[in-house]
Amino acid sequence: LIDKPNAIIFDLDWTLCELSDSSNPYNHDGEEVIIPEMKYILDTFTTRTVSIIILTGRKRKDYGEITEKWIEENLFCYDKVIMQEKSQADKNHVFKKEKLIELKEKYNIIAVFDDNEEMIPVCKELWILLLHVNR
């Protein structure tokens, strides 16, 4: 691999966390519940020399504060959170493809964990290992 730091990228909703029955997937309220298996995987990776990046389609202006608070309370260790910054949100996979291209310039991306089926062709095109989460 090229001499860049290694990174593993995790989606948030339905990958690292499940939404409770009372949660609205388009109005994040901090009621999300961490998925135990994903917490174990995440904790395992934090014992290695690898950057943990959370890449979510959530809009920072609407959900930045509540998202960062939830992550701080539920995750052991991470390096950065990337959220949509534009006033008009792109489709999730379009936004993530753009960010993955940027991240490939700085990191050796070891794997992406995501539940969105539209990420399968994105990761194939970019030659990135995708672990498609399906709960």
N, C-alpha and C. Protein backbone atom coordinates (compact mmCIF):
# COMPACT_ATOMS: atom_id res chain seq x y z
N LEU A 1 0.83 -1.19 0.00
CA LEU A 1 0.00 0.00 0.00
C LEU A 1 0.87 1.25 0.00
N ILE A 2 0.32 2.29 -0.56
CA ILE A 2 1.01 3.57 -0.61
C ILE A 2 1.23 4.08 0.80
N ASP A 3 2.27 4.88 0.99
CA ASP A 3 2.62 5.37 2.32
C ASP A 3 1.66 6.47 2.78
N LYS A 4 0.48 6.05 3.17
CA LYS A 4 -0.55 6.93 3.72
C LYS A 4 -1.09 6.24 4.97
N PRO A 5 -1.70 6.99 5.86
CA PRO A 5 -2.31 6.32 7.02
C PRO A 5 -3.50 5.47 6.59
N ASN A 6 -3.72 4.38 7.30
CA ASN A 6 -4.85 3.51 7.03
C ASN A 6 -6.11 4.10 7.66
N ALA A 7 -7.24 3.85 7.02
CA ALA A 7 -8.52 4.32 7.55
C ALA A 7 -9.60 3.29 7.29
N ILE A 8 -10.54 3.23 8.23
CA ILE A 8 -11.75 2.45 8.07
C ILE A 8 -12.90 3.43 8.23
N ILE A 9 -13.87 3.32 7.32
CA ILE A 9 -14.95 4.30 7.26
C ILE A 9 -16.26 3.61 7.61
N PHE A 10 -17.01 4.24 8.52
CA PHE A 10 -18.29 3.70 8.97
C PHE A 10 -19.40 4.70 8.67
N ASP A 11 -20.48 4.19 8.13
CA ASP A 11 -21.73 4.94 8.06
C ASP A 11 -22.30 4.98 9.47
N LEU A 12 -23.28 5.82 9.69
CA LEU A 12 -23.85 5.93 11.03
C LEU A 12 -25.20 5.22 11.13
N ASP A 13 -26.24 5.75 10.49
CA ASP A 13 -27.59 5.22 10.64
C ASP A 13 -27.74 3.85 9.98
N TRP A 14 -28.21 2.90 10.75
CA TRP A 14 -28.44 1.50 10.36
C TRP A 14 -27.14 0.76 10.08
N THR A 15 -26.00 1.36 10.43
CA THR A 15 -24.71 0.68 10.34
C THR A 15 -24.09 0.64 11.73
N LEU A 16 -23.75 1.80 12.29
CA LEU A 16 -23.27 1.84 13.67
C LEU A 16 -24.41 1.92 14.67
N CYS A 17 -25.53 2.47 14.24
CA CYS A 17 -26.65 2.59 15.18
C CYS A 17 -27.97 2.25 14.50
N GLU A 18 -28.89 1.81 15.32
CA GLU A 18 -30.27 1.61 14.89
C GLU A 18 -31.09 2.75 15.45
N LEU A 19 -32.16 3.08 14.76
CA LEU A 19 -33.06 4.10 15.27
C LEU A 19 -34.14 3.41 16.09
N SER A 20 -34.49 4.00 17.22
CA SER A 20 -35.55 3.41 18.03
C SER A 20 -36.89 3.60 17.33
N ASP A 21 -37.89 2.88 17.78
CA ASP A 21 -39.22 2.96 17.17
C ASP A 21 -39.77 4.38 17.16
N SER A 22 -39.40 5.16 18.16
CA SER A 22 -39.92 6.53 18.26
C SER A 22 -39.08 7.54 17.46
N SER A 23 -37.96 7.08 16.91
CA SER A 23 -37.08 7.99 16.17
C SER A 23 -37.55 8.19 14.74
N ASN A 24 -37.39 9.38 14.26
CA ASN A 24 -37.67 9.70 12.87
C ASN A 24 -36.32 9.70 12.14
N PRO A 25 -36.15 8.84 11.12
CA PRO A 25 -34.85 8.76 10.45
C PRO A 25 -34.42 10.06 9.77
N TYR A 26 -35.36 11.00 9.62
CA TYR A 26 -35.02 12.28 9.01
C TYR A 26 -35.04 13.41 10.04
N ASN A 27 -35.12 13.05 11.31
CA ASN A 27 -35.10 14.04 12.37
C ASN A 27 -34.38 13.42 13.56
N HIS A 28 -33.08 13.37 13.51
CA HIS A 28 -32.28 12.67 14.51
C HIS A 28 -32.41 13.35 15.86
N ASP A 29 -32.76 12.54 16.86
CA ASP A 29 -33.05 13.09 18.18
C ASP A 29 -32.16 12.53 19.26
N GLY A 30 -31.13 11.78 18.90
CA GLY A 30 -30.22 11.23 19.88
C GLY A 30 -30.72 9.95 20.52
N GLU A 31 -31.86 9.42 20.06
CA GLU A 31 -32.40 8.19 20.62
C GLU A 31 -31.84 6.94 19.92
N GLU A 32 -30.93 7.12 18.99
CA GLU A 32 -30.37 5.98 18.28
C GLU A 32 -29.70 5.02 19.26
N VAL A 33 -29.71 3.76 18.92
CA VAL A 33 -29.14 2.72 19.78
C VAL A 33 -27.94 2.10 19.07
N ILE A 34 -26.80 2.03 19.75
CA ILE A 34 -25.60 1.44 19.16
C ILE A 34 -25.84 -0.03 18.87
N ILE A 35 -25.36 -0.50 17.73
CA ILE A 35 -25.47 -1.92 17.38
C ILE A 35 -24.30 -2.64 18.03
N PRO A 36 -24.56 -3.58 18.93
CA PRO A 36 -23.48 -4.20 19.71
C PRO A 36 -22.38 -4.84 18.86
N GLU A 37 -22.75 -5.51 17.79
CA GLU A 37 -21.73 -6.16 16.94
C GLU A 37 -20.82 -5.13 16.29
N MET A 38 -21.40 -4.00 15.89
CA MET A 38 -20.60 -2.96 15.25
C MET A 38 -19.71 -2.27 16.29
N LYS A 39 -20.20 -2.12 17.51
CA LYS A 39 -19.38 -1.54 18.58
C LYS A 39 -18.16 -2.42 18.82
N TYR A 40 -18.36 -3.74 18.81
CA TYR A 40 -17.25 -4.68 19.00
C TYR A 40 -16.23 -4.52 17.86
N ILE A 41 -16.72 -4.47 16.64
CA ILE A 41 -15.81 -4.31 15.49
C ILE A 41 -15.06 -2.99 15.59
N LEU A 42 -15.77 -1.93 15.91
CA LEU A 42 -15.15 -0.61 16.03
C LEU A 42 -14.09 -0.62 17.13
N ASP A 43 -14.41 -1.19 18.27
CA ASP A 43 -13.44 -1.26 19.37
C ASP A 43 -12.22 -2.08 18.99
N THR A 44 -12.42 -3.14 18.21
CA THR A 44 -11.31 -3.98 17.75
C THR A 44 -10.36 -3.16 16.87
N PHE A 45 -10.92 -2.37 15.98
CA PHE A 45 -10.08 -1.56 15.09
C PHE A 45 -9.34 -0.47 15.84
N THR A 46 -9.88 0.02 16.94
CA THR A 46 -9.20 1.10 17.65
C THR A 46 -7.95 0.63 18.36
N THR A 47 -7.73 -0.68 18.44
CA THR A 47 -6.49 -1.19 19.03
C THR A 47 -5.38 -1.26 17.99
N ARG A 48 -5.68 -0.93 16.77
CA ARG A 48 -4.71 -0.94 15.67
C ARG A 48 -4.33 0.49 15.28
N THR A 49 -3.35 0.60 14.43
CA THR A 49 -2.99 1.91 13.91
C THR A 49 -3.83 2.17 12.66
N VAL A 50 -5.02 2.66 12.90
CA VAL A 50 -5.95 2.93 11.81
C VAL A 50 -6.84 4.11 12.22
N SER A 51 -7.11 4.98 11.28
CA SER A 51 -8.02 6.09 11.54
C SER A 51 -9.45 5.61 11.38
N ILE A 52 -10.31 5.98 12.31
CA ILE A 52 -11.72 5.65 12.24
C ILE A 52 -12.45 6.92 11.79
N ILE A 53 -13.11 6.82 10.64
CA ILE A 53 -13.81 7.97 10.08
C ILE A 53 -15.29 7.61 9.97
N ILE A 54 -16.14 8.48 10.47
CA ILE A 54 -17.58 8.30 10.34
C ILE A 54 -18.04 9.20 9.21
N LEU A 55 -18.64 8.59 8.19
CA LEU A 55 -19.11 9.30 7.00
C LEU A 55 -20.61 9.13 6.93
N THR A 56 -21.34 10.19 7.24
CA THR A 56 -22.79 10.12 7.28
C THR A 56 -23.41 11.16 6.36
N GLY A 57 -24.55 10.83 5.80
CA GLY A 57 -25.27 11.75 4.94
C GLY A 57 -26.06 12.80 5.71
N ARG A 58 -26.01 12.76 7.03
CA ARG A 58 -26.72 13.76 7.82
C ARG A 58 -26.18 15.16 7.51
N LYS A 59 -27.07 16.14 7.55
CA LYS A 59 -26.66 17.53 7.32
C LYS A 59 -26.13 18.12 8.62
N ARG A 60 -24.92 18.66 8.57
CA ARG A 60 -24.31 19.21 9.77
C ARG A 60 -25.14 20.34 10.39
N LYS A 61 -25.67 21.24 9.57
CA LYS A 61 -26.40 22.39 10.14
C LYS A 61 -27.64 21.96 10.91
N ASP A 62 -28.25 20.84 10.52
CA ASP A 62 -29.45 20.37 11.21
C ASP A 62 -29.14 19.39 12.34
N TYR A 63 -28.12 18.55 12.15
CA TYR A 63 -27.90 17.44 13.09
C TYR A 63 -26.48 17.35 13.62
N GLY A 64 -25.65 18.33 13.34
CA GLY A 64 -24.25 18.26 13.74
C GLY A 64 -24.06 18.11 15.24
N GLU A 65 -24.70 18.97 16.01
CA GLU A 65 -24.50 18.95 17.45
C GLU A 65 -25.03 17.66 18.09
N ILE A 66 -26.23 17.25 17.74
CA ILE A 66 -26.82 16.04 18.34
C ILE A 66 -26.04 14.79 17.89
N THR A 67 -25.56 14.80 16.65
CA THR A 67 -24.80 13.66 16.14
C THR A 67 -23.47 13.53 16.87
N GLU A 68 -22.75 14.63 16.99
CA GLU A 68 -21.45 14.59 17.67
C GLU A 68 -21.62 14.19 19.14
N LYS A 69 -22.70 14.67 19.78
CA LYS A 69 -22.96 14.30 21.17
C LYS A 69 -23.22 12.79 21.28
N TRP A 70 -24.03 12.25 20.37
CA TRP A 70 -24.34 10.82 20.40
C TRP A 70 -23.06 10.00 20.19
N ILE A 71 -22.26 10.41 19.23
CA ILE A 71 -21.01 9.68 18.94
C ILE A 71 -20.10 9.70 20.16
N GLU A 72 -19.94 10.87 20.78
CA GLU A 72 -19.09 10.98 21.98
C GLU A 72 -19.57 10.06 23.09
N GLU A 73 -20.87 9.94 23.26
CA GLU A 73 -21.43 9.13 24.34
C GLU A 73 -21.41 7.63 24.06
N ASN A 74 -21.35 7.24 22.78
CA ASN A 74 -21.51 5.83 22.43
C ASN A 74 -20.29 5.14 21.83
N LEU A 75 -19.37 5.88 21.30
CA LEU A 75 -18.23 5.26 20.62
C LEU A 75 -16.96 5.47 21.41
N PHE A 76 -16.13 4.46 21.41
CA PHE A 76 -14.89 4.49 22.18
C PHE A 76 -13.89 5.48 21.59
N CYS A 77 -13.70 5.42 20.32
CA CYS A 77 -12.64 6.23 19.71
C CYS A 77 -12.93 6.42 18.23
N TYR A 78 -12.72 7.62 17.74
CA TYR A 78 -12.84 7.90 16.32
C TYR A 78 -11.96 9.10 16.02
N ASP A 79 -11.67 9.29 14.75
CA ASP A 79 -10.79 10.39 14.36
C ASP A 79 -11.52 11.59 13.78
N LYS A 80 -12.55 11.33 12.98
CA LYS A 80 -13.29 12.45 12.42
C LYS A 80 -14.68 12.02 12.01
N VAL A 81 -15.56 13.01 11.94
CA VAL A 81 -16.93 12.81 11.46
C VAL A 81 -17.10 13.72 10.25
N ILE A 82 -17.57 13.15 9.16
CA ILE A 82 -17.83 13.92 7.95
C ILE A 82 -19.34 13.90 7.71
N MET A 83 -19.91 15.11 7.63
CA MET A 83 -21.34 15.28 7.38
C MET A 83 -21.52 16.23 6.21
N GLN A 84 -22.72 16.24 5.66
CA GLN A 84 -23.00 17.16 4.56
C GLN A 84 -23.01 18.60 5.07
N GLU A 85 -22.35 19.47 4.34
CA GLU A 85 -22.23 20.87 4.73
C GLU A 85 -23.11 21.80 3.90
N LYS A 86 -23.55 21.33 2.74
CA LYS A 86 -24.35 22.17 1.84
C LYS A 86 -25.73 22.42 2.42
N SER A 87 -26.36 23.51 1.99
CA SER A 87 -27.72 23.79 2.46
C SER A 87 -28.71 22.79 1.87
N GLN A 88 -28.47 22.35 0.64
CA GLN A 88 -29.31 21.34 -0.01
C GLN A 88 -28.55 20.02 0.01
N ALA A 89 -29.10 19.01 0.65
CA ALA A 89 -28.40 17.73 0.78
C ALA A 89 -28.38 16.98 -0.54
N ASP A 90 -27.21 16.39 -0.84
CA ASP A 90 -27.10 15.48 -1.99
C ASP A 90 -27.66 14.12 -1.58
N LYS A 91 -27.96 13.30 -2.58
CA LYS A 91 -28.31 11.92 -2.27
C LYS A 91 -27.13 11.31 -1.52
N ASN A 92 -27.44 10.44 -0.58
CA ASN A 92 -26.44 9.85 0.31
C ASN A 92 -25.25 9.30 -0.45
N HIS A 93 -25.49 8.44 -1.45
CA HIS A 93 -24.38 7.79 -2.15
C HIS A 93 -23.59 8.77 -3.01
N VAL A 94 -24.22 9.81 -3.50
CA VAL A 94 -23.52 10.83 -4.30
C VAL A 94 -22.56 11.61 -3.40
N PHE A 95 -23.07 12.03 -2.26
CA PHE A 95 -22.24 12.73 -1.28
C PHE A 95 -21.06 11.86 -0.83
N LYS A 96 -21.35 10.61 -0.50
CA LYS A 96 -20.31 9.73 0.01
C LYS A 96 -19.26 9.41 -1.06
N LYS A 97 -19.68 9.26 -2.30
CA LYS A 97 -18.70 9.00 -3.37
C LYS A 97 -17.72 10.17 -3.47
N GLU A 98 -18.24 11.37 -3.45
CA GLU A 98 -17.39 12.57 -3.51
C GLU A 98 -16.38 12.58 -2.35
N LYS A 99 -16.86 12.28 -1.16
CA LYS A 99 -15.99 12.28 0.02
C LYS A 99 -14.98 11.13 -0.02
N LEU A 100 -15.40 9.97 -0.50
CA LEU A 100 -14.47 8.83 -0.61
C LEU A 100 -13.33 9.15 -1.58
N ILE A 101 -13.65 9.82 -2.67
CA ILE A 101 -12.60 10.22 -3.62
C ILE A 101 -11.60 11.13 -2.92
N GLU A 102 -12.08 12.09 -2.15
CA GLU A 102 -11.20 12.98 -1.40
C GLU A 102 -10.39 12.21 -0.36
N LEU A 103 -11.04 11.30 0.36
CA LEU A 103 -10.36 10.54 1.40
C LEU A 103 -9.29 9.62 0.83
N LYS A 104 -9.51 9.09 -0.38
CA LYS A 104 -8.51 8.21 -1.00
C LYS A 104 -7.20 8.95 -1.27
N GLU A 105 -7.26 10.26 -1.41
CA GLU A 105 -6.06 11.05 -1.62
C GLU A 105 -5.19 11.09 -0.36
N LYS A 106 -5.82 10.97 0.82
CA LYS A 106 -5.11 11.11 2.09
C LYS A 106 -4.90 9.80 2.84
N TYR A 107 -5.73 8.79 2.53
CA TYR A 107 -5.71 7.54 3.31
C TYR A 107 -5.69 6.31 2.41
N ASN A 108 -5.15 5.23 2.95
CA ASN A 108 -5.39 3.90 2.41
C ASN A 108 -6.69 3.45 3.05
N ILE A 109 -7.75 3.41 2.29
CA ILE A 109 -9.04 3.01 2.85
C ILE A 109 -9.08 1.49 2.89
N ILE A 110 -9.05 0.94 4.09
CA ILE A 110 -9.05 -0.51 4.29
C ILE A 110 -10.43 -1.07 3.99
N ALA A 111 -11.48 -0.41 4.45
CA ALA A 111 -12.84 -0.88 4.23
C ALA A 111 -13.83 0.21 4.55
N VAL A 112 -15.00 0.08 3.96
CA VAL A 112 -16.14 0.94 4.25
C VAL A 112 -17.26 0.03 4.76
N PHE A 113 -17.87 0.40 5.88
CA PHE A 113 -19.03 -0.29 6.42
C PHE A 113 -20.24 0.60 6.15
N ASP A 114 -21.24 0.10 5.41
CA ASP A 114 -22.40 0.91 5.08
C ASP A 114 -23.58 0.01 4.78
N ASP A 115 -24.79 0.48 5.09
CA ASP A 115 -25.99 -0.32 4.84
C ASP A 115 -26.66 0.02 3.51
N ASN A 116 -26.28 1.11 2.88
CA ASN A 116 -26.93 1.58 1.66
C ASN A 116 -26.50 0.76 0.45
N GLU A 117 -27.46 0.10 -0.20
CA GLU A 117 -27.15 -0.72 -1.38
C GLU A 117 -26.55 0.11 -2.51
N GLU A 118 -26.87 1.40 -2.56
CA GLU A 118 -26.33 2.26 -3.61
C GLU A 118 -24.83 2.49 -3.45
N MET A 119 -24.29 2.10 -2.30
CA MET A 119 -22.84 2.22 -2.10
C MET A 119 -22.08 1.06 -2.76
N ILE A 120 -22.76 -0.02 -3.10
CA ILE A 120 -22.08 -1.16 -3.72
C ILE A 120 -21.42 -0.75 -5.04
N PRO A 121 -22.14 -0.16 -6.01
CA PRO A 121 -21.46 0.24 -7.24
C PRO A 121 -20.44 1.36 -7.03
N VAL A 122 -20.69 2.23 -6.04
CA VAL A 122 -19.74 3.31 -5.74
C VAL A 122 -18.40 2.71 -5.32
N CYS A 123 -18.44 1.79 -4.37
CA CYS A 123 -17.20 1.20 -3.87
C CYS A 123 -16.53 0.31 -4.92
N LYS A 124 -17.33 -0.36 -5.74
CA LYS A 124 -16.74 -1.16 -6.83
C LYS A 124 -15.98 -0.25 -7.79
N GLU A 125 -16.61 0.86 -8.16
CA GLU A 125 -15.97 1.80 -9.09
C GLU A 125 -14.67 2.36 -8.51
N LEU A 126 -14.66 2.63 -7.21
CA LEU A 126 -13.49 3.23 -6.57
C LEU A 126 -12.50 2.19 -6.05
N TRP A 127 -12.78 0.92 -6.25
CA TRP A 127 -11.92 -0.18 -5.80
C TRP A 127 -11.69 -0.11 -4.28
N ILE A 128 -12.80 0.01 -3.56
CA ILE A 128 -12.77 0.06 -2.10
C ILE A 128 -13.59 -1.12 -1.59
N LEU A 129 -13.04 -1.85 -0.63
CA LEU A 129 -13.75 -2.96 0.00
C LEU A 129 -14.95 -2.41 0.76
N LEU A 130 -16.14 -2.92 0.45
CA LEU A 130 -17.35 -2.52 1.14
C LEU A 130 -17.89 -3.70 1.92
N LEU A 131 -18.15 -3.49 3.20
CA LEU A 131 -18.84 -4.48 4.01
C LEU A 131 -20.26 -3.97 4.18
N HIS A 132 -21.15 -4.57 3.39
CA HIS A 132 -22.54 -4.12 3.35
C HIS A 132 -23.29 -4.68 4.54
N VAL A 133 -23.70 -3.80 5.44
CA VAL A 133 -24.36 -4.18 6.67
C VAL A 133 -25.85 -4.35 6.39
N ASN A 134 -26.38 -5.48 6.81
CA ASN A 134 -27.80 -5.75 6.57
C ASN A 134 -28.38 -6.37 7.83
N ARG A 135 -29.09 -5.57 8.60
CA ARG A 135 -29.70 -6.07 9.85
C ARG A 135 -31.17 -6.19 9.69
